[in-house]
Amino acid sequence: MSSDSQAMGRSAEVLTCTWKAAHKNKVQRGPLDEDKDTGADNFRVKRFISKYTINPAITQGISHAVGSIEAGKLADLAIWDPAEFGTKPFQVLKKGFITYAQMGDPNGAVADVEPLIGRPMYGALHPESSVMFVSQASIVQGGDVHSYNLKKQIEVVKNCRTVKKYDLKYNSATPKVEVDPETLVVTCDGKELRSEPASSLPLTRQSFLY
């Protein structure tokens, strides 16, 4: 999943649109084979969350540093109120610091005075909580990025020129997709693809009424 900046896509909508697509796929096509008889959608969750986390990191050569919650990696840890899961995180932690939180009016006497709005916190102010990705040439071959006196964590981009589809997590399928130039019918491995209009979707306006 990705988005450009000024055309039909909006970067702030990538996550909600991803889960709307996951919902629509399940409603129209049913559970995935991996999730059948489990009563859950764990494999589908892994497939769709990978679309905007680890897989973009793999394609851009930065998966050794970000993209998943693992020891030695940098990640934004979102803490959710269950009623607002997927829309407005209660807090976001990065490198052990609070970088974002639902906070009330700064002029209020208490922290939770209405209206509560997501605001940057002190953890987002210092450069040490950020990473700067650089070329290998800036580390070797006469380059010396450390001479710039940067406070951000420095990481080298790796292996972005050798990525194949099978390197992607839970998204490695390579079906044969064809579009009939006359009828515009789309087929995938010979099976016609259709998408009926959605009657309802999650994470829409009712999630942002207040």
Protein backbone atom coordinates (compact mmCIF):
# COMPACT_ATOMS: atom_id res chain seq x y z
CA MET A 1 0.00 0.00 0.00
CA SER A 2 1.27 3.46 -0.82
CA SER A 3 0.05 6.95 -1.56
CA ASP A 4 1.23 9.92 -3.52
CA SER A 5 0.95 13.42 -2.14
CA GLN A 6 -1.42 15.44 -4.30
CA ALA A 7 -3.44 13.21 -6.63
CA MET A 8 -6.09 10.63 -5.74
CA GLY A 9 -4.15 9.24 -2.78
CA ARG A 10 -3.68 10.77 0.63
CA SER A 11 -0.87 9.57 2.87
CA ALA A 12 -2.98 10.05 6.01
CA GLU A 13 -5.58 7.62 4.64
CA VAL A 14 -3.24 4.73 3.81
CA LEU A 15 -3.92 2.78 7.02
CA THR A 16 -7.69 3.20 7.08
CA CYS A 17 -7.97 2.40 3.36
CA THR A 18 -5.85 -0.71 3.87
CA TRP A 19 -8.24 -2.09 6.48
CA LYS A 20 -11.28 -1.09 4.45
CA ALA A 21 -9.82 -3.15 1.60
CA ALA A 22 -9.23 -6.07 3.97
CA HIS A 23 -12.84 -5.87 5.17
CA LYS A 24 -14.22 -5.67 1.63
CA ASN A 25 -12.13 -8.64 0.53
CA LYS A 26 -13.44 -10.80 3.35
CA VAL A 27 -17.07 -9.77 2.81
CA GLN A 28 -16.93 -10.49 -0.93
CA ARG A 29 -14.57 -13.46 -1.11
CA GLY A 30 -14.90 -15.05 2.32
CA PRO A 31 -12.16 -16.15 4.74
CA LEU A 32 -8.70 -16.93 3.45
CA ASP A 33 -7.78 -20.61 3.24
CA GLU A 34 -5.27 -20.08 6.04
CA ASP A 35 -8.01 -18.69 8.31
CA LYS A 36 -10.77 -21.21 7.60
CA ASP A 37 -12.18 -23.01 10.65
CA THR A 38 -10.11 -20.86 13.01
CA GLY A 39 -12.77 -18.30 13.88
CA ALA A 40 -10.20 -15.55 13.37
CA ASP A 41 -8.58 -13.48 10.65
CA ASN A 42 -5.00 -13.70 11.85
CA PHE A 43 -3.45 -14.49 8.48
CA ARG A 44 -5.41 -11.73 6.77
CA VAL A 45 -4.26 -9.29 9.46
CA LYS A 46 -0.65 -10.30 8.86
CA ARG A 47 -1.07 -9.93 5.11
CA PHE A 48 -2.57 -6.47 5.24
CA ILE A 49 -0.48 -5.01 8.05
CA SER A 50 2.62 -6.12 6.13
CA LYS A 51 1.50 -3.98 3.19
CA TYR A 52 2.36 -0.75 5.00
CA THR A 53 5.03 -1.89 7.49
CA ILE A 54 7.66 -4.53 6.75
CA ASN A 55 7.14 -4.81 2.97
CA PRO A 56 7.73 -1.12 2.15
CA ALA A 57 10.78 -1.32 4.42
CA ILE A 58 12.06 -4.34 2.47
CA THR A 59 11.60 -2.68 -0.91
CA GLN A 60 13.37 0.47 0.25
CA GLY A 61 16.29 -1.37 1.82
CA ILE A 62 15.64 -0.36 5.41
CA SER A 63 13.99 -3.48 6.86
CA HIS A 64 17.05 -4.20 8.99
CA ALA A 65 16.23 -1.10 11.04
CA VAL A 66 12.46 -0.51 10.83
CA GLY A 67 9.27 -2.15 9.59
CA SER A 68 8.48 -4.64 12.35
CA ILE A 69 8.55 -4.98 16.12
CA GLU A 70 11.75 -6.93 16.76
CA ALA A 71 14.74 -6.68 19.06
CA GLY A 72 17.23 -4.20 17.66
CA LYS A 73 14.71 -2.39 15.45
CA LEU A 74 13.06 1.00 15.80
CA ALA A 75 9.27 1.02 15.88
CA ASP A 76 6.38 3.26 16.85
CA LEU A 77 4.46 1.38 19.55
CA ALA A 78 0.83 2.51 19.47
CA ILE A 79 -1.33 2.11 22.58
CA TRP A 80 -5.04 2.04 21.83
CA ASP A 81 -8.27 2.59 23.67
CA PRO A 82 -10.25 -0.44 22.39
CA ALA A 83 -13.18 1.80 21.39
CA GLU A 84 -10.92 3.78 19.05
CA PHE A 85 -8.70 1.00 17.77
CA GLY A 86 -7.35 1.75 14.32
CA THR A 87 -8.32 5.42 14.37
CA LYS A 88 -6.88 7.49 17.22
CA PRO A 89 -4.06 6.00 19.30
CA PHE A 90 -4.05 6.94 22.97
CA GLN A 91 -0.25 7.11 23.02
CA VAL A 92 2.67 6.39 20.71
CA LEU A 93 6.02 5.34 22.16
CA LYS A 94 9.34 5.52 20.33
CA LYS A 95 12.68 4.58 21.87
CA GLY A 96 10.92 4.51 25.23
CA PHE A 97 9.64 8.09 24.96
CA ILE A 98 6.08 9.31 24.45
CA THR A 99 6.07 10.98 21.04
CA TYR A 100 2.31 11.41 20.54
CA ALA A 101 -0.70 11.34 22.85
CA GLN A 102 -4.32 12.38 23.23
CA MET A 103 -4.12 15.59 25.25
CA GLY A 104 -6.57 18.25 26.32
CA ASP A 105 -6.38 22.03 26.00
CA PRO A 106 -2.90 23.23 27.07
CA ASN A 107 -4.60 26.08 28.95
CA GLY A 108 -6.64 23.65 31.02
CA ALA A 109 -5.98 22.86 34.66
CA VAL A 110 -5.82 19.08 34.06
CA ALA A 111 -4.37 17.03 31.21
CA ASP A 112 -7.67 15.51 30.08
CA VAL A 113 -9.73 18.69 29.76
CA GLU A 114 -11.89 18.62 26.63
CA PRO A 115 -11.42 18.61 23.72
CA LEU A 116 -8.92 15.76 23.57
CA ILE A 117 -6.76 16.05 20.46
CA GLY A 118 -3.79 14.02 19.29
CA ARG A 119 -0.69 16.15 19.87
CA PRO A 120 3.09 15.71 19.55
CA MET A 121 4.78 15.12 22.89
CA TYR A 122 8.29 15.78 24.18
CA GLY A 123 9.63 12.53 22.72
CA ALA A 124 9.07 13.90 19.23
CA LEU A 125 11.15 17.01 19.84
CA HIS A 126 14.65 15.60 20.12
CA PRO A 127 16.47 14.27 17.02
CA GLU A 128 17.77 11.20 18.85
CA SER A 129 14.36 9.57 18.42
CA SER A 130 14.70 9.72 14.63
CA VAL A 131 16.68 7.78 12.04
CA MET A 132 18.44 9.13 8.98
CA PHE A 133 18.90 6.59 6.20
CA VAL A 134 21.97 7.18 4.08
CA SER A 135 23.83 5.60 1.20
CA GLN A 136 26.66 3.20 1.85
CA ALA A 137 28.85 5.67 -0.07
CA SER A 138 28.42 8.21 2.71
CA ILE A 139 30.01 5.79 5.16
CA VAL A 140 32.81 4.44 2.97
CA GLN A 141 34.40 5.41 -0.35
CA GLY A 142 35.63 8.72 0.98
CA GLY A 143 32.33 9.79 2.54
CA ASP A 144 32.05 10.54 6.22
CA VAL A 145 28.50 11.26 7.30
CA HIS A 146 29.62 11.26 10.94
CA SER A 147 31.54 14.49 10.32
CA TYR A 148 28.20 16.29 9.89
CA ASN A 149 27.65 16.21 13.67
CA LEU A 150 24.19 14.71 13.27
CA LYS A 151 22.27 13.73 16.39
CA LYS A 152 19.97 11.34 14.57
CA GLN A 153 20.63 7.62 14.44
CA ILE A 154 22.42 6.78 11.17
CA GLU A 155 21.44 3.66 9.22
CA VAL A 156 22.66 2.50 5.81
CA VAL A 157 20.23 1.50 3.04
CA LYS A 158 20.88 -2.12 2.04
CA ASN A 159 19.89 -4.57 -0.69
CA CYS A 160 17.17 -2.43 -2.26
CA ARG A 161 18.34 -3.29 -5.81
CA THR A 162 17.90 -7.04 -5.47
CA VAL A 163 14.39 -7.24 -4.00
CA LYS A 164 12.01 -9.70 -5.63
CA LYS A 165 8.30 -10.26 -5.10
CA TYR A 166 8.99 -13.47 -3.19
CA ASP A 167 10.97 -11.45 -0.64
CA LEU A 168 7.79 -9.74 0.58
CA LYS A 169 6.09 -11.06 3.71
CA TYR A 170 2.64 -12.62 3.22
CA ASN A 171 2.37 -10.86 -0.18
CA SER A 172 4.53 -12.94 -2.51
CA ALA A 173 1.89 -14.16 -4.99
CA THR A 174 2.55 -13.47 -8.68
CA PRO A 175 -0.68 -14.36 -10.51
CA LYS A 176 -1.24 -13.74 -14.20
CA VAL A 177 -3.46 -10.65 -14.44
CA GLU A 178 -5.06 -9.79 -17.79
CA VAL A 179 -7.30 -6.91 -18.87
CA ASP A 180 -9.45 -7.34 -21.97
CA PRO A 181 -8.93 -4.16 -24.03
CA GLU A 182 -12.44 -4.36 -25.49
CA THR A 183 -14.61 -5.30 -22.50
CA LEU A 184 -12.21 -4.15 -19.74
CA VAL A 185 -12.89 -7.42 -17.91
CA VAL A 186 -10.06 -8.22 -15.51
CA THR A 187 -9.02 -11.82 -14.90
CA CYS A 188 -6.56 -13.28 -12.42
CA ASP A 189 -5.19 -16.71 -13.36
CA GLY A 190 -8.17 -17.01 -15.70
CA LYS A 191 -10.79 -16.12 -13.07
CA GLU A 192 -12.84 -12.97 -13.61
CA LEU A 193 -12.46 -10.35 -10.90
CA ARG A 194 -15.44 -8.28 -9.84
CA SER A 195 -15.94 -5.90 -6.95
CA GLU A 196 -19.46 -4.99 -5.94
CA PRO A 197 -20.11 -1.60 -4.28
CA ALA A 198 -19.65 -1.76 -0.52
CA SER A 199 -22.76 -1.20 1.57
CA SER A 200 -20.76 -0.40 4.71
CA LEU A 201 -17.12 -0.01 5.70
CA PRO A 202 -15.19 0.18 8.98
CA LEU A 203 -13.11 3.14 10.16
CA THR A 204 -15.30 5.72 8.44
CA ARG A 205 -17.03 8.91 9.61
CA GLN A 206 -18.61 7.46 12.73
CA SER A 207 -15.10 6.82 14.08
CA PHE A 208 -14.28 10.53 13.89
CA LEU A 209 -17.44 12.22 15.18
CA TYR A 210 -15.60 13.33 18.31
